[in-house]
Protein backbone atom coordinates (compact mmCIF):
# COMPACT_ATOMS: atom_id res chain seq x y z
CA UNK A 1 0.47 5.96 -14.02
CA UNK A 2 2.12 8.70 -15.97
CA UNK A 3 1.22 12.42 -15.93
CA UNK A 4 -1.20 12.04 -18.81
CA UNK A 5 -3.49 9.65 -16.77
CA UNK A 6 -2.77 6.55 -18.86
CA UNK A 7 -1.20 3.24 -17.83
CA UNK A 8 2.10 2.03 -19.32
CA UNK A 9 2.82 -1.37 -20.54
CA UNK A 10 5.45 -1.70 -17.63
CA UNK A 11 2.71 -0.79 -15.00
CA UNK A 12 0.26 -3.04 -16.53
CA UNK A 13 2.60 -5.95 -16.46
CA UNK A 14 3.54 -5.30 -12.83
CA UNK A 15 -0.06 -5.22 -11.68
CA UNK A 16 -0.85 -8.36 -13.78
CA UNK A 17 1.99 -10.27 -12.17
CA UNK A 18 0.90 -9.19 -8.75
CA UNK A 19 -2.60 -10.36 -9.37
CA UNK A 20 -1.45 -13.67 -10.81
CA UNK A 21 0.84 -14.22 -7.65
CA UNK A 22 -2.17 -13.46 -5.43
CA UNK A 23 -4.34 -15.97 -7.40
CA UNK A 24 -1.69 -18.60 -7.16
CA UNK A 25 -1.23 -18.24 -3.42
CA UNK A 26 -4.99 -18.16 -2.98
CA UNK A 27 -5.21 -21.39 -4.98
CA UNK A 28 -2.71 -23.11 -2.86
CA UNK A 29 -4.47 -22.00 0.38
CA UNK A 30 -7.78 -23.18 -0.98
CA UNK A 31 -6.28 -26.44 -1.99
CA UNK A 32 -4.89 -26.91 1.47
CA UNK A 33 -8.28 -26.26 3.09
CA UNK A 34 -10.01 -28.66 0.74
CA UNK A 35 -7.31 -31.28 1.18
CA UNK A 36 -7.51 -31.06 4.88
CA UNK A 37 -10.73 -33.18 5.28
CA UNK A 38 -13.36 -34.97 3.32
CA UNK A 39 -15.86 -32.14 3.19
CA UNK A 40 -19.56 -32.12 3.87
CA UNK A 41 -20.51 -34.07 0.73
CA UNK A 42 -18.16 -37.07 1.37
CA UNK A 43 -19.52 -40.33 2.67
CA UNK A 44 -16.73 -40.35 5.33
CA UNK A 45 -18.19 -37.27 6.81
CA UNK A 46 -21.55 -38.76 7.46
CA UNK A 47 -20.91 -42.37 8.51
CA UNK A 48 -19.59 -41.37 12.10
CA UNK A 49 -22.74 -39.29 12.59
CA UNK A 50 -25.23 -42.22 12.33
CA UNK A 51 -27.40 -42.07 15.41
CA UNK A 52 -26.59 -38.36 15.99
CA UNK A 53 -29.17 -35.53 15.96
CA UNK A 54 -28.79 -32.77 13.45
CA UNK A 55 -30.56 -29.48 13.52
CA UNK A 56 -32.74 -28.24 10.54
CA UNK A 57 -33.96 -24.85 11.70
CA UNK A 58 -36.02 -25.48 14.83
CA UNK A 59 -36.43 -29.26 13.96
CA UNK A 60 -34.13 -32.01 15.22
CA UNK A 61 -33.58 -34.96 12.86
CA UNK A 62 -31.64 -38.13 13.62
CA UNK A 63 -29.39 -39.63 11.18
CA UNK A 64 -30.59 -43.19 10.85
CA UNK A 65 -28.47 -44.50 8.06
CA UNK A 66 -25.85 -43.73 5.33
CA UNK A 67 -27.20 -46.01 2.53
CA UNK A 68 -25.12 -47.48 -0.38
CA UNK A 69 -26.87 -46.79 -3.84
CA UNK A 70 -24.76 -49.35 -5.42
CA UNK A 71 -22.24 -49.08 -8.26
CA UNK A 72 -22.83 -47.29 -11.61
CA UNK A 73 -21.43 -48.53 -14.78
CA UNK A 74 -20.42 -45.79 -17.21
CA UNK A 75 -18.92 -47.14 -20.37
CA UNK A 76 -16.08 -49.55 -19.32
CA UNK A 77 -15.81 -47.81 -15.92
CA UNK A 78 -17.38 -48.96 -12.64
CA UNK A 79 -18.04 -46.08 -10.38
CA UNK A 80 -18.23 -46.87 -6.74
CA UNK A 81 -20.50 -46.02 -3.68
CA UNK A 82 -18.16 -43.43 -2.19
CA UNK A 83 -19.35 -40.88 -4.76
CA UNK A 84 -23.15 -41.53 -4.44
CA UNK A 85 -25.03 -42.47 -1.34
CA UNK A 86 -28.41 -41.73 0.51
CA UNK A 87 -28.68 -40.19 3.85
CA UNK A 88 -31.87 -41.35 5.95
CA UNK A 89 -33.10 -39.07 8.66
CA UNK A 90 -35.95 -39.57 11.13
CA UNK A 91 -38.01 -36.81 12.74
CA UNK A 92 -41.27 -36.31 14.65
CA UNK A 93 -44.44 -35.64 12.65
CA UNK A 94 -45.38 -32.59 14.79
CA UNK A 95 -42.89 -30.45 12.96
CA UNK A 96 -42.90 -31.83 9.22
CA UNK A 97 -40.40 -30.35 6.75
CA UNK A 98 -41.31 -29.57 3.17
CA UNK A 99 -39.51 -31.27 0.31
CA UNK A 100 -36.99 -28.48 -0.34
CA UNK A 101 -33.38 -27.22 0.28
CA UNK A 102 -32.58 -27.01 4.04
CA UNK A 103 -29.68 -25.94 6.17
CA UNK A 104 -28.50 -28.94 8.19
CA UNK A 105 -26.25 -28.23 11.15
CA UNK A 106 -24.11 -30.52 13.31
CA UNK A 107 -21.05 -29.57 15.58
CA UNK A 108 -18.73 -31.91 13.68
CA UNK A 109 -20.09 -31.21 10.19
CA UNK A 110 -20.88 -27.48 10.39
CA UNK A 111 -23.75 -26.16 8.36
CA UNK A 112 -24.44 -27.64 4.96
CA UNK A 113 -27.36 -27.05 2.50
CA UNK A 114 -29.05 -30.22 1.28
CA UNK A 115 -32.32 -31.12 -0.52
CA UNK A 116 -34.48 -33.25 1.93
CA UNK A 117 -37.58 -35.09 0.89
CA UNK A 118 -40.14 -36.76 3.18
CA UNK A 119 -40.34 -40.31 1.98
CA UNK A 120 -42.15 -42.37 4.60
CA UNK A 121 -44.34 -41.96 7.69
CA UNK A 122 -44.18 -45.18 9.73
CA UNK A 123 -46.21 -44.63 12.79
CA UNK A 124 -44.88 -41.79 14.90
CA UNK A 125 -41.73 -41.23 12.83
CA UNK A 126 -41.39 -39.06 9.62
CA UNK A 127 -38.60 -40.29 7.46
CA UNK A 128 -36.61 -37.97 5.22
CA UNK A 129 -34.11 -38.70 2.54
CA UNK A 130 -31.05 -36.89 0.99
CA UNK A 131 -29.34 -38.21 -2.03
CA UNK A 132 -25.66 -37.16 -2.51
CA UNK A 133 -24.32 -37.65 -6.14
CA UNK A 134 -20.80 -36.42 -6.68
CA UNK A 135 -20.23 -38.23 -9.98
CA UNK A 136 -19.01 -35.98 -12.89
CA UNK A 137 -18.72 -38.29 -15.94
CA UNK A 138 -17.62 -35.37 -18.22
CA UNK A 139 -14.16 -35.90 -19.47
CA UNK A 140 -11.59 -33.36 -18.45
CA UNK A 141 -13.59 -32.16 -15.34
CA UNK A 142 -13.13 -32.74 -11.65
CA UNK A 143 -14.96 -35.61 -10.14
CA UNK A 144 -15.88 -33.56 -7.08
CA UNK A 145 -18.39 -30.71 -7.46
């Protein structure tokens, strides 16, 4: 900054280049983190956890199934089941969860926010469902949200 308290064009270009470089490095670091694993909304993250217990607050739910929702036809494209699937959980009716957004925790998965809905109550088990849909059919946008 000069003695008059204004920013020169040269100073502005230097600061702008520095910020652009920082954003570029942060983008590569972020990409590396995302590329290192499938992420919490990928089917591959949930399939090995079938039969495991997950914590939802003070309530323990068992992941019963990772269910295929079938293929979806969009125009001439057939979109597969890796991008949309259902998670079925079982819990005890003594601590029912409301149909709402919940923090689900597991040592392998970490903590993830998902919308759970109670769907059935066969006997002494309360069944919940979460739908994962990562389809983005807008042209020019990422397929992963």
